[in-house]
Structures are given as structure tokens and as C-alpha cells.
N, C-alpha and C. Protein backbone atom coordinates (compact mmCIF):
# COMPACT_ATOMS: atom_id res chain seq x y z
N MET A 1 13.10 33.23 16.95
CA MET A 1 12.44 32.08 17.56
C MET A 1 11.36 31.55 16.62
N LEU A 2 11.00 30.33 16.78
CA LEU A 2 10.00 29.75 15.89
C LEU A 2 8.69 30.50 16.02
N ARG A 3 8.03 30.65 14.87
CA ARG A 3 6.76 31.36 14.86
C ARG A 3 5.59 30.43 15.00
N THR A 4 5.73 29.20 14.47
CA THR A 4 4.56 28.31 14.46
C THR A 4 4.80 26.98 15.15
N LEU A 5 6.00 26.74 15.61
CA LEU A 5 6.31 25.44 16.20
C LEU A 5 5.59 25.27 17.52
N ARG A 6 4.85 24.16 17.69
CA ARG A 6 4.17 23.82 18.93
C ARG A 6 5.08 23.01 19.80
N PRO A 7 4.92 23.06 21.17
CA PRO A 7 5.82 22.30 22.05
C PRO A 7 5.66 20.81 21.90
N ILE A 8 6.74 20.15 21.54
CA ILE A 8 6.78 18.70 21.49
C ILE A 8 8.19 18.19 21.36
N LEU A 9 8.95 17.98 22.27
CA LEU A 9 10.33 17.49 22.10
C LEU A 9 10.47 16.13 22.73
N VAL A 10 11.35 15.39 22.23
CA VAL A 10 11.54 14.05 22.72
C VAL A 10 12.62 14.00 23.80
N GLY A 11 12.22 13.96 25.07
CA GLY A 11 13.16 13.82 26.14
C GLY A 11 13.86 12.48 26.03
N LEU A 12 13.21 11.56 25.39
CA LEU A 12 13.76 10.22 25.16
C LEU A 12 15.13 10.30 24.52
N LEU A 13 15.33 11.26 23.59
CA LEU A 13 16.55 11.31 22.82
C LEU A 13 17.54 12.32 23.35
N VAL A 14 17.14 13.21 24.26
CA VAL A 14 18.03 14.28 24.67
C VAL A 14 18.42 14.18 26.13
N GLY A 15 18.34 13.02 26.71
CA GLY A 15 18.88 12.87 28.05
C GLY A 15 17.94 12.21 29.02
N GLY A 16 16.74 11.83 28.62
CA GLY A 16 15.82 11.19 29.53
C GLY A 16 16.06 9.70 29.55
N MET A 17 15.46 8.98 28.65
CA MET A 17 15.50 7.52 28.65
C MET A 17 16.75 7.01 27.94
N SER A 18 17.36 5.98 28.51
CA SER A 18 18.52 5.36 27.86
C SER A 18 18.05 4.48 26.73
N LEU A 19 18.73 4.56 25.59
CA LEU A 19 18.34 3.78 24.42
C LEU A 19 19.33 2.67 24.11
N SER A 20 20.09 2.21 25.11
CA SER A 20 21.03 1.14 24.83
C SER A 20 20.29 -0.17 24.71
N ALA A 21 20.37 -0.80 23.52
CA ALA A 21 19.64 -2.03 23.28
C ALA A 21 20.14 -2.67 22.00
N CYS A 22 19.62 -3.88 21.77
CA CYS A 22 19.93 -4.56 20.50
C CYS A 22 19.03 -4.00 19.42
N SER A 23 19.53 -3.95 18.22
CA SER A 23 18.71 -3.44 17.12
C SER A 23 18.78 -4.40 15.96
N SER A 24 17.76 -4.32 15.10
CA SER A 24 17.73 -5.13 13.89
C SER A 24 17.06 -4.34 12.81
N ALA A 25 17.22 -4.77 11.56
CA ALA A 25 16.60 -4.06 10.45
C ALA A 25 16.14 -5.05 9.43
N GLU A 26 14.92 -4.81 8.90
CA GLU A 26 14.44 -5.66 7.82
C GLU A 26 15.24 -5.45 6.56
N THR A 27 15.67 -4.20 6.34
CA THR A 27 16.53 -3.86 5.20
C THR A 27 17.52 -2.83 5.70
N THR A 28 18.74 -2.90 5.25
CA THR A 28 19.72 -1.89 5.66
C THR A 28 20.18 -1.14 4.44
N ARG A 29 20.44 0.18 4.62
CA ARG A 29 20.97 1.02 3.56
C ARG A 29 21.55 2.24 4.20
N PRO A 30 22.44 2.97 3.52
CA PRO A 30 23.01 4.19 4.09
C PRO A 30 21.93 5.20 4.41
N ARG A 31 22.13 5.96 5.50
CA ARG A 31 21.20 7.01 5.86
C ARG A 31 21.13 8.06 4.77
N PRO A 32 19.93 8.57 4.45
CA PRO A 32 19.85 9.66 3.47
C PRO A 32 20.65 10.85 3.96
N GLY A 33 21.32 11.51 3.02
CA GLY A 33 22.07 12.70 3.37
C GLY A 33 23.43 12.41 4.00
N SER A 34 23.81 11.12 4.09
CA SER A 34 25.06 10.79 4.75
C SER A 34 26.27 10.84 3.81
N SER A 35 26.04 11.13 2.53
CA SER A 35 27.13 11.12 1.57
C SER A 35 28.02 12.35 1.68
N GLY A 36 27.54 13.38 2.39
CA GLY A 36 28.32 14.60 2.52
C GLY A 36 28.08 15.56 1.39
N VAL A 37 27.32 15.20 0.39
CA VAL A 37 27.02 16.08 -0.74
C VAL A 37 25.92 17.04 -0.33
N ILE A 38 26.15 18.32 -0.48
CA ILE A 38 25.17 19.34 -0.07
C ILE A 38 24.28 19.67 -1.24
N PRO A 39 22.95 19.51 -1.07
CA PRO A 39 22.05 19.79 -2.17
C PRO A 39 22.00 21.27 -2.47
N PRO A 40 21.82 21.64 -3.73
CA PRO A 40 21.74 23.06 -4.07
C PRO A 40 20.42 23.65 -3.64
N GLU A 41 20.39 24.98 -3.55
CA GLU A 41 19.15 25.64 -3.22
C GLU A 41 18.25 25.57 -4.43
N ALA A 42 17.09 24.91 -4.27
CA ALA A 42 16.21 24.68 -5.41
C ALA A 42 14.77 24.84 -4.98
N PRO A 43 13.89 25.14 -5.93
CA PRO A 43 12.47 25.32 -5.56
C PRO A 43 11.88 24.02 -5.04
N THR A 44 10.89 24.16 -4.17
CA THR A 44 10.20 23.00 -3.63
C THR A 44 9.46 22.26 -4.74
N VAL A 45 9.57 20.94 -4.75
CA VAL A 45 8.90 20.13 -5.74
C VAL A 45 7.53 19.73 -5.24
N GLU A 46 6.52 19.97 -6.01
CA GLU A 46 5.17 19.56 -5.64
C GLU A 46 4.84 18.26 -6.33
N SER A 47 4.20 17.36 -5.61
CA SER A 47 3.86 16.06 -6.16
C SER A 47 2.62 15.54 -5.48
N SER A 48 1.76 14.88 -6.21
CA SER A 48 0.54 14.35 -5.64
C SER A 48 0.66 12.87 -5.34
N ALA A 49 1.73 12.22 -5.82
CA ALA A 49 1.90 10.80 -5.56
C ALA A 49 3.37 10.45 -5.55
N PRO A 50 3.78 9.45 -4.73
CA PRO A 50 5.18 9.09 -4.67
C PRO A 50 5.63 8.41 -5.95
N THR A 51 6.91 8.53 -6.29
CA THR A 51 7.47 7.84 -7.43
C THR A 51 8.63 6.99 -6.96
N GLU A 52 9.29 6.27 -7.88
CA GLU A 52 10.37 5.40 -7.47
C GLU A 52 11.52 6.18 -6.85
N ASP A 53 11.80 7.40 -7.33
CA ASP A 53 12.95 8.14 -6.83
C ASP A 53 12.55 9.31 -5.94
N MET A 54 11.28 9.36 -5.52
CA MET A 54 10.83 10.41 -4.62
C MET A 54 10.12 9.79 -3.45
N GLY A 55 10.08 10.52 -2.35
CA GLY A 55 9.42 10.03 -1.16
C GLY A 55 7.92 10.28 -1.20
N PRO A 56 7.27 10.23 -0.04
CA PRO A 56 5.83 10.50 0.04
C PRO A 56 5.50 11.89 -0.50
N PRO A 57 4.25 12.09 -0.93
CA PRO A 57 3.85 13.38 -1.50
C PRO A 57 4.10 14.55 -0.56
N THR A 58 4.48 15.69 -1.10
CA THR A 58 4.80 16.85 -0.30
C THR A 58 3.62 17.34 0.54
N ASP A 59 2.41 17.30 -0.04
CA ASP A 59 1.26 17.81 0.71
C ASP A 59 0.94 16.89 1.89
N VAL A 60 1.13 15.58 1.72
CA VAL A 60 0.89 14.64 2.82
C VAL A 60 1.89 14.88 3.95
N VAL A 61 3.15 15.08 3.61
CA VAL A 61 4.17 15.31 4.62
C VAL A 61 3.94 16.64 5.33
N SER A 62 3.56 17.67 4.59
CA SER A 62 3.29 18.97 5.21
C SER A 62 2.15 18.88 6.22
N ARG A 63 1.07 18.17 5.84
CA ARG A 63 -0.04 18.00 6.78
C ARG A 63 0.37 17.19 8.00
N LEU A 64 1.17 16.16 7.78
CA LEU A 64 1.64 15.32 8.89
C LEU A 64 2.47 16.14 9.87
N ILE A 65 3.36 16.97 9.37
CA ILE A 65 4.17 17.81 10.25
C ILE A 65 3.29 18.72 11.09
N GLN A 66 2.34 19.38 10.42
CA GLN A 66 1.47 20.32 11.14
C GLN A 66 0.62 19.61 12.18
N GLU A 67 0.08 18.45 11.82
CA GLU A 67 -0.77 17.70 12.76
C GLU A 67 0.04 17.15 13.92
N ALA A 68 1.27 16.73 13.66
CA ALA A 68 2.13 16.25 14.73
C ALA A 68 2.44 17.37 15.70
N LEU A 69 2.70 18.56 15.18
CA LEU A 69 2.96 19.71 16.04
C LEU A 69 1.75 20.05 16.89
N GLU A 70 0.56 19.84 16.36
CA GLU A 70 -0.67 20.18 17.08
C GLU A 70 -1.14 19.08 18.03
N SER A 71 -0.60 17.85 17.85
CA SER A 71 -1.09 16.74 18.65
C SER A 71 -0.02 16.17 19.58
N ASP A 72 1.06 16.92 19.80
CA ASP A 72 2.15 16.46 20.67
C ASP A 72 2.74 15.13 20.21
N GLY A 73 2.80 14.91 18.91
CA GLY A 73 3.43 13.72 18.38
C GLY A 73 2.69 12.44 18.54
N SER A 74 1.38 12.51 18.80
CA SER A 74 0.60 11.29 19.06
C SER A 74 0.20 10.63 17.73
N PHE A 75 1.17 9.99 17.07
CA PHE A 75 0.93 9.25 15.85
C PHE A 75 1.45 7.83 16.03
N SER A 76 0.62 6.85 15.77
CA SER A 76 1.05 5.46 15.88
C SER A 76 1.79 5.03 14.63
N TYR A 77 2.43 3.88 14.71
CA TYR A 77 3.12 3.28 13.57
C TYR A 77 2.12 3.09 12.42
N GLU A 78 0.94 2.52 12.74
CA GLU A 78 -0.06 2.26 11.72
C GLU A 78 -0.54 3.55 11.06
N ALA A 79 -0.74 4.59 11.86
CA ALA A 79 -1.19 5.87 11.31
C ALA A 79 -0.17 6.47 10.36
N LEU A 80 1.12 6.33 10.71
CA LEU A 80 2.15 6.86 9.84
C LEU A 80 2.22 6.09 8.51
N VAL A 81 2.09 4.77 8.58
CA VAL A 81 2.10 3.98 7.36
C VAL A 81 0.91 4.32 6.49
N ASN A 82 -0.25 4.52 7.13
CA ASN A 82 -1.45 4.91 6.37
C ASN A 82 -1.23 6.25 5.66
N ARG A 83 -0.53 7.16 6.30
CA ARG A 83 -0.30 8.49 5.73
C ARG A 83 0.80 8.46 4.67
N LEU A 84 1.94 7.83 5.01
CA LEU A 84 3.13 7.96 4.18
C LEU A 84 3.30 6.82 3.17
N GLY A 85 2.53 5.73 3.36
CA GLY A 85 2.67 4.57 2.50
C GLY A 85 3.65 3.57 3.09
N THR A 86 3.86 2.47 2.38
CA THR A 86 4.75 1.42 2.84
C THR A 86 6.19 1.92 2.82
N PRO A 87 6.91 1.84 3.95
CA PRO A 87 8.29 2.32 3.96
C PRO A 87 9.21 1.42 3.16
N GLU A 88 10.35 1.98 2.75
CA GLU A 88 11.37 1.21 2.04
C GLU A 88 11.98 0.16 2.96
N SER A 89 12.10 0.50 4.24
CA SER A 89 12.57 -0.44 5.24
C SER A 89 12.07 0.00 6.60
N VAL A 90 12.05 -0.94 7.54
CA VAL A 90 11.69 -0.66 8.92
C VAL A 90 12.77 -1.23 9.82
N GLU A 91 13.42 -0.37 10.54
CA GLU A 91 14.47 -0.80 11.48
C GLU A 91 13.87 -0.85 12.89
N THR A 92 14.15 -1.91 13.63
CA THR A 92 13.58 -2.06 14.97
C THR A 92 14.68 -2.12 16.00
N GLU A 93 14.37 -1.62 17.20
CA GLU A 93 15.32 -1.60 18.31
C GLU A 93 14.56 -1.82 19.60
N SER A 94 15.04 -2.73 20.44
CA SER A 94 14.43 -2.98 21.74
C SER A 94 15.01 -1.99 22.76
N VAL A 95 14.11 -1.43 23.59
CA VAL A 95 14.51 -0.39 24.53
C VAL A 95 13.92 -0.69 25.91
N ALA A 96 14.74 -0.65 26.93
CA ALA A 96 14.26 -0.85 28.29
C ALA A 96 13.42 0.34 28.71
N ASN A 97 12.19 0.07 29.21
CA ASN A 97 11.29 1.12 29.68
C ASN A 97 11.88 1.77 30.93
N GLN A 98 11.97 3.09 30.92
CA GLN A 98 12.60 3.83 32.01
C GLN A 98 11.77 3.76 33.31
N TYR A 99 10.47 3.54 33.17
CA TYR A 99 9.60 3.65 34.33
C TYR A 99 9.05 2.31 34.83
N VAL A 100 9.07 1.27 33.98
CA VAL A 100 8.54 -0.03 34.35
C VAL A 100 9.69 -1.04 34.34
N GLN A 101 10.09 -1.48 35.53
CA GLN A 101 11.23 -2.39 35.62
C GLN A 101 10.94 -3.70 34.89
N GLY A 102 11.89 -4.12 34.08
CA GLY A 102 11.77 -5.37 33.35
C GLY A 102 10.99 -5.30 32.05
N GLN A 103 10.38 -4.15 31.76
CA GLN A 103 9.59 -4.02 30.53
C GLN A 103 10.48 -3.53 29.39
N VAL A 104 10.34 -4.18 28.25
CA VAL A 104 11.10 -3.80 27.06
C VAL A 104 10.14 -3.32 25.99
N ASP A 105 10.33 -2.10 25.53
CA ASP A 105 9.48 -1.52 24.50
C ASP A 105 10.23 -1.56 23.15
N THR A 106 9.61 -1.01 22.12
CA THR A 106 10.19 -1.11 20.78
C THR A 106 10.24 0.26 20.10
N LEU A 107 11.38 0.55 19.51
CA LEU A 107 11.53 1.70 18.63
C LEU A 107 11.53 1.20 17.19
N ARG A 108 10.73 1.83 16.34
CA ARG A 108 10.69 1.49 14.92
C ARG A 108 11.05 2.72 14.10
N THR A 109 11.98 2.55 13.18
CA THR A 109 12.35 3.64 12.28
C THR A 109 11.81 3.31 10.89
N LEU A 110 10.88 4.13 10.42
CA LEU A 110 10.32 3.97 9.08
C LEU A 110 11.17 4.78 8.13
N VAL A 111 11.77 4.10 7.15
CA VAL A 111 12.70 4.75 6.23
C VAL A 111 12.04 4.93 4.87
N TYR A 112 11.99 6.18 4.40
CA TYR A 112 11.47 6.52 3.08
C TYR A 112 12.55 7.33 2.34
N THR A 113 12.37 7.52 1.06
CA THR A 113 13.26 8.40 0.33
C THR A 113 13.10 9.83 0.84
N GLY A 114 14.11 10.38 1.46
CA GLY A 114 14.08 11.75 1.94
C GLY A 114 13.48 11.95 3.31
N ILE A 115 12.96 10.89 3.94
CA ILE A 115 12.28 11.02 5.23
C ILE A 115 12.57 9.82 6.10
N GLU A 116 12.68 10.04 7.41
CA GLU A 116 12.67 8.97 8.39
C GLU A 116 11.75 9.36 9.54
N ALA A 117 10.97 8.39 10.02
CA ALA A 117 10.08 8.61 11.15
C ALA A 117 10.38 7.57 12.22
N LEU A 118 10.65 8.02 13.43
CA LEU A 118 10.96 7.13 14.54
C LEU A 118 9.74 7.05 15.48
N VAL A 119 9.27 5.82 15.72
CA VAL A 119 8.05 5.60 16.53
C VAL A 119 8.39 4.75 17.72
N TYR A 120 7.90 5.15 18.89
CA TYR A 120 8.11 4.40 20.15
C TYR A 120 6.81 3.68 20.49
N ASP A 121 6.87 2.33 20.55
CA ASP A 121 5.70 1.52 20.88
C ASP A 121 5.86 0.97 22.29
N VAL A 122 4.84 1.20 23.13
CA VAL A 122 4.85 0.73 24.50
C VAL A 122 4.30 -0.70 24.55
N THR A 123 5.06 -1.62 25.13
CA THR A 123 4.67 -3.02 25.22
C THR A 123 3.43 -3.16 26.12
N ASN A 124 2.51 -4.07 25.73
CA ASN A 124 1.29 -4.34 26.50
C ASN A 124 0.44 -3.09 26.71
N ASP A 125 0.47 -2.22 25.72
CA ASP A 125 -0.32 -0.98 25.80
C ASP A 125 -0.63 -0.55 24.37
N THR A 126 -1.71 0.17 24.20
CA THR A 126 -2.06 0.66 22.86
C THR A 126 -1.30 1.93 22.51
N LYS A 127 -0.53 2.47 23.45
CA LYS A 127 0.14 3.74 23.22
C LYS A 127 1.35 3.57 22.30
N SER A 128 1.46 4.49 21.38
CA SER A 128 2.67 4.63 20.57
C SER A 128 2.83 6.10 20.22
N PHE A 129 4.07 6.52 20.02
CA PHE A 129 4.36 7.94 19.85
C PHE A 129 5.35 8.16 18.72
N LEU A 130 5.12 9.23 17.97
CA LEU A 130 6.12 9.69 17.01
C LEU A 130 7.20 10.40 17.79
N VAL A 131 8.39 9.84 17.78
CA VAL A 131 9.51 10.37 18.55
C VAL A 131 10.27 11.43 17.79
N ARG A 132 10.54 11.13 16.53
CA ARG A 132 11.30 12.07 15.72
C ARG A 132 10.90 11.93 14.27
N LEU A 133 10.83 13.06 13.56
CA LEU A 133 10.60 13.06 12.12
C LEU A 133 11.76 13.83 11.49
N SER A 134 12.44 13.20 10.54
CA SER A 134 13.61 13.81 9.90
C SER A 134 13.38 13.94 8.40
N ILE A 135 13.86 15.07 7.85
CA ILE A 135 13.74 15.34 6.42
C ILE A 135 15.13 15.57 5.86
N PHE A 136 15.42 14.91 4.72
CA PHE A 136 16.74 15.02 4.08
C PHE A 136 16.64 15.55 2.65
N SER A 137 15.42 15.78 2.16
CA SER A 137 15.21 16.10 0.74
C SER A 137 14.76 17.54 0.53
N THR A 138 15.17 18.13 -0.58
CA THR A 138 14.71 19.47 -0.94
C THR A 138 13.23 19.48 -1.31
N GLN A 139 12.64 18.30 -1.43
CA GLN A 139 11.24 18.19 -1.82
C GLN A 139 10.28 18.75 -0.79
N TYR A 140 10.70 18.77 0.49
CA TYR A 140 9.78 19.10 1.58
C TYR A 140 10.12 20.44 2.23
N THR A 141 9.09 21.13 2.68
CA THR A 141 9.24 22.43 3.32
C THR A 141 8.55 22.41 4.68
N THR A 142 9.16 23.01 5.68
CA THR A 142 8.57 23.06 7.02
C THR A 142 7.44 24.08 7.05
N PRO A 143 6.58 24.04 8.07
CA PRO A 143 5.52 25.06 8.18
C PRO A 143 6.05 26.49 8.21
N GLU A 144 7.34 26.64 8.59
CA GLU A 144 7.94 27.96 8.64
C GLU A 144 8.60 28.37 7.33
N GLY A 145 8.59 27.47 6.33
CA GLY A 145 9.19 27.76 5.03
C GLY A 145 10.65 27.37 4.91
N ILE A 146 11.14 26.53 5.82
CA ILE A 146 12.53 26.08 5.78
C ILE A 146 12.62 24.74 5.08
N ARG A 147 13.66 24.55 4.30
CA ARG A 147 13.85 23.28 3.60
C ARG A 147 15.34 22.99 3.42
N VAL A 148 15.64 21.74 3.12
CA VAL A 148 17.02 21.35 2.84
C VAL A 148 17.51 22.11 1.60
N GLY A 149 18.75 22.59 1.67
CA GLY A 149 19.34 23.34 0.57
C GLY A 149 19.39 24.83 0.81
N LEU A 150 18.55 25.34 1.75
CA LEU A 150 18.59 26.77 2.04
C LEU A 150 19.89 27.15 2.73
N GLY A 151 20.31 28.38 2.52
CA GLY A 151 21.48 28.90 3.21
C GLY A 151 21.19 29.16 4.68
N GLU A 152 22.22 29.06 5.50
CA GLU A 152 22.06 29.28 6.95
C GLU A 152 21.50 30.66 7.24
N ASP A 153 21.92 31.66 6.49
CA ASP A 153 21.42 33.04 6.72
C ASP A 153 19.93 33.12 6.49
N ARG A 154 19.41 32.39 5.48
CA ARG A 154 17.97 32.39 5.23
C ARG A 154 17.19 31.81 6.40
N VAL A 155 17.75 30.77 7.02
CA VAL A 155 17.11 30.16 8.18
C VAL A 155 16.98 31.18 9.31
N VAL A 156 18.06 31.88 9.57
CA VAL A 156 18.05 32.90 10.63
C VAL A 156 17.09 34.03 10.28
N ASP A 157 17.05 34.40 9.01
CA ASP A 157 16.11 35.46 8.58
C ASP A 157 14.66 35.04 8.86
N GLU A 158 14.35 33.77 8.59
CA GLU A 158 12.96 33.29 8.75
C GLU A 158 12.59 32.98 10.19
N LEU A 159 13.52 32.38 10.94
CA LEU A 159 13.21 31.89 12.28
C LEU A 159 13.80 32.73 13.40
N GLY A 160 14.75 33.58 13.06
CA GLY A 160 15.49 34.29 14.10
C GLY A 160 16.67 33.48 14.56
N PRO A 161 17.47 34.02 15.49
CA PRO A 161 18.63 33.26 15.99
C PRO A 161 18.18 31.99 16.71
N PRO A 162 18.95 30.91 16.58
CA PRO A 162 18.58 29.68 17.29
C PRO A 162 18.71 29.84 18.80
N THR A 163 17.98 29.01 19.53
CA THR A 163 18.08 29.01 20.99
C THR A 163 19.50 28.68 21.40
N ARG A 164 20.09 27.70 20.72
CA ARG A 164 21.50 27.36 20.97
C ARG A 164 22.05 26.66 19.72
N ARG A 165 23.36 26.54 19.69
CA ARG A 165 24.04 25.89 18.58
C ARG A 165 24.94 24.77 19.11
N ASN A 166 25.12 23.77 18.27
CA ASN A 166 26.15 22.77 18.51
C ASN A 166 27.06 22.82 17.29
N ALA A 167 28.09 23.65 17.40
CA ALA A 167 28.93 23.92 16.24
C ALA A 167 29.65 22.67 15.73
N SER A 168 30.06 21.79 16.64
CA SER A 168 30.80 20.60 16.22
C SER A 168 29.95 19.67 15.38
N GLN A 169 28.63 19.68 15.59
CA GLN A 169 27.71 18.83 14.84
C GLN A 169 26.92 19.61 13.81
N GLY A 170 27.17 20.91 13.70
CA GLY A 170 26.49 21.73 12.71
C GLY A 170 25.00 21.89 12.98
N LYS A 171 24.61 21.93 14.25
CA LYS A 171 23.19 22.00 14.60
C LYS A 171 22.79 23.39 15.03
N MET A 172 21.68 23.87 14.47
CA MET A 172 20.98 25.06 14.96
C MET A 172 19.72 24.54 15.65
N ILE A 173 19.61 24.76 16.95
CA ILE A 173 18.53 24.17 17.74
C ILE A 173 17.55 25.25 18.16
N TYR A 174 16.31 25.10 17.70
CA TYR A 174 15.23 26.00 18.07
C TYR A 174 14.38 25.28 19.09
N GLN A 175 14.37 25.77 20.32
CA GLN A 175 13.76 25.05 21.41
C GLN A 175 12.91 25.98 22.27
N GLU A 176 11.79 25.45 22.73
CA GLU A 176 10.94 26.15 23.69
C GLU A 176 10.76 25.25 24.89
N SER A 177 10.64 25.84 26.07
CA SER A 177 10.57 25.05 27.30
C SER A 177 9.19 25.01 27.93
N THR A 178 8.26 25.83 27.47
CA THR A 178 6.92 25.84 28.05
C THR A 178 5.87 25.72 26.95
N PRO A 179 4.74 25.05 27.22
CA PRO A 179 4.45 24.34 28.48
C PRO A 179 5.21 23.03 28.58
N THR A 180 5.70 22.48 27.47
CA THR A 180 6.57 21.29 27.48
C THR A 180 7.75 21.54 26.57
N PRO A 181 8.86 20.85 26.78
CA PRO A 181 10.03 21.05 25.92
C PRO A 181 9.71 20.80 24.46
N THR A 182 10.26 21.63 23.59
CA THR A 182 10.01 21.55 22.15
C THR A 182 11.32 21.77 21.39
N SER A 183 11.52 21.05 20.31
CA SER A 183 12.74 21.31 19.54
C SER A 183 12.58 21.01 18.06
N MET A 184 13.15 21.90 17.24
CA MET A 184 13.37 21.64 15.83
C MET A 184 14.86 21.86 15.60
N VAL A 185 15.54 20.85 15.08
CA VAL A 185 16.97 20.91 14.89
C VAL A 185 17.28 21.04 13.41
N VAL A 186 17.94 22.12 13.04
CA VAL A 186 18.34 22.36 11.64
C VAL A 186 19.82 22.06 11.54
N ARG A 187 20.17 21.05 10.75
CA ARG A 187 21.57 20.64 10.60
C ARG A 187 22.16 21.32 9.37
N VAL A 188 23.31 21.97 9.57
CA VAL A 188 23.93 22.77 8.51
C VAL A 188 25.33 22.22 8.22
N GLN A 189 25.66 22.18 6.94
CA GLN A 189 27.01 21.78 6.50
C GLN A 189 27.46 22.75 5.43
N ASP A 190 28.63 23.33 5.61
CA ASP A 190 29.18 24.30 4.65
C ASP A 190 28.17 25.40 4.33
N GLY A 191 27.45 25.85 5.36
CA GLY A 191 26.56 27.00 5.20
C GLY A 191 25.19 26.70 4.67
N ARG A 192 24.88 25.42 4.40
CA ARG A 192 23.56 25.08 3.88
C ARG A 192 22.89 23.99 4.71
N VAL A 193 21.55 24.01 4.72
CA VAL A 193 20.79 23.02 5.46
C VAL A 193 20.87 21.67 4.76
N VAL A 194 21.22 20.62 5.52
CA VAL A 194 21.28 19.27 4.96
C VAL A 194 20.26 18.33 5.60
N GLN A 195 19.68 18.73 6.74
CA GLN A 195 18.71 17.87 7.42
C GLN A 195 17.91 18.71 8.40
N ILE A 196 16.62 18.35 8.59
CA ILE A 196 15.77 19.01 9.56
C ILE A 196 15.10 17.92 10.41
N ASP A 197 15.23 18.03 11.72
CA ASP A 197 14.62 17.07 12.65
C ASP A 197 13.61 17.76 13.53
N TRP A 198 12.43 17.11 13.66
CA TRP A 198 11.49 17.50 14.70
C TRP A 198 11.58 16.44 15.79
N GLU A 199 11.77 16.86 17.04
CA GLU A 199 11.88 15.94 18.16
C GLU A 199 10.73 16.17 19.11
N PHE A 200 10.04 15.10 19.48
CA PHE A 200 8.77 15.18 20.20
C PHE A 200 8.88 14.60 21.61
N TYR A 201 8.49 15.37 22.58
CA TYR A 201 8.50 14.95 23.97
C TYR A 201 7.25 14.17 24.30
N PHE A 202 7.37 13.11 25.04
CA PHE A 202 6.19 12.39 25.53
C PHE A 202 6.48 11.80 26.88
N THR A 203 5.40 11.51 27.63
CA THR A 203 5.55 10.88 28.95
C THR A 203 4.62 9.69 29.02
């Protein structure tokens, strides 16, 4: 089981709120990691500033992950941009609010090299939430020491057996139910990690 993961899962994405809506994107490009090529197991790259072919600095991303875990995902769109820098693209999607009839809120996906951050903005309110943070690059390491490129056995050695698996999608799901639902999803292909998602619950 996770040793340091704090409870924060996004019920929005796992069966709570319906996300059927129109979407648009300022820029479109293939999702990172969608090529099917599995990155080799390689040492974590340390960097103090982003470059053209690298995403946000590793130390910034590590702090963001830890703070998000400690704050139940309470990060606004502006706060994420301040931390991670200007995204390569921002994809937007309109979503019907599950609790307020007739209200339409906005999902924004901030796309960076090796990272995507999904933010839910509540219309006519100052509230916004980090819904999901995804990592596709060997550059970044989780607070538990997991990164893209590691073998599946190493993940189990570090975190223990997953709460459950979705074999058809290659997902190892580490989830806690108290005090609020929490999930970290490790996606595996051909025995190696290709993506790590943190999913954050909010109400």
C-alpha cells in the first residue's frame, strides 16, 4: 500500500460527475506516451529550468505533487501556470455541473512535455481544483520513488501489491477510502511503467 500518498481522488472521473460535453483546444497534438514506445529504465534527470525538449523542472514538479497531496488538490489554473510555466497548449471542455441545474463549468487540460494537469473551474465562483496530474516522462519521480520506465516488479517492491488491477488497461491502482477516496494509478505496458496518474477527489 502507498506509504506517503494522502487521500485525494477525483470522483469526477471515476463514476461521480458525467463529463459529456463539447471540447475545444487551443493547440492539438498527440498525447505524450501514446506512441506505444516503452521508455527504458534510466536514472532520474535533474534540471533547474525547462528546455525546449524537456518539461517543467523536476524539483518544481516534485514539490507540486507533494503539496497537492497535502492540500487535497486545491490548486487553481493560475497557481499551476505560476508553478509549471506557460503550457504548450490548453485544451478546454464544458461540463454540466452535477449539483447546480443549468450551470456549465469548465475543465482545462494544461499540456506540457511529459506532464498534463487537468483543472476543474466552477462557474461564478472562485473555486477551482486540480482534478488529475499525469506524468509520462522518465524525468519525474513520485514521492514514493516511482517513475516512468521502472519495471512492474519494482513498483510492487516499493509500494506493495495494488489495491486492484485493471488488466485490460494495464492499470495498477493504489487506492485508499478513508477519510476520503484516494488514488494513484500506475499504467504498465509490457512490464514497465509508461504513465502515472494522481486523481484528486473534491466536492
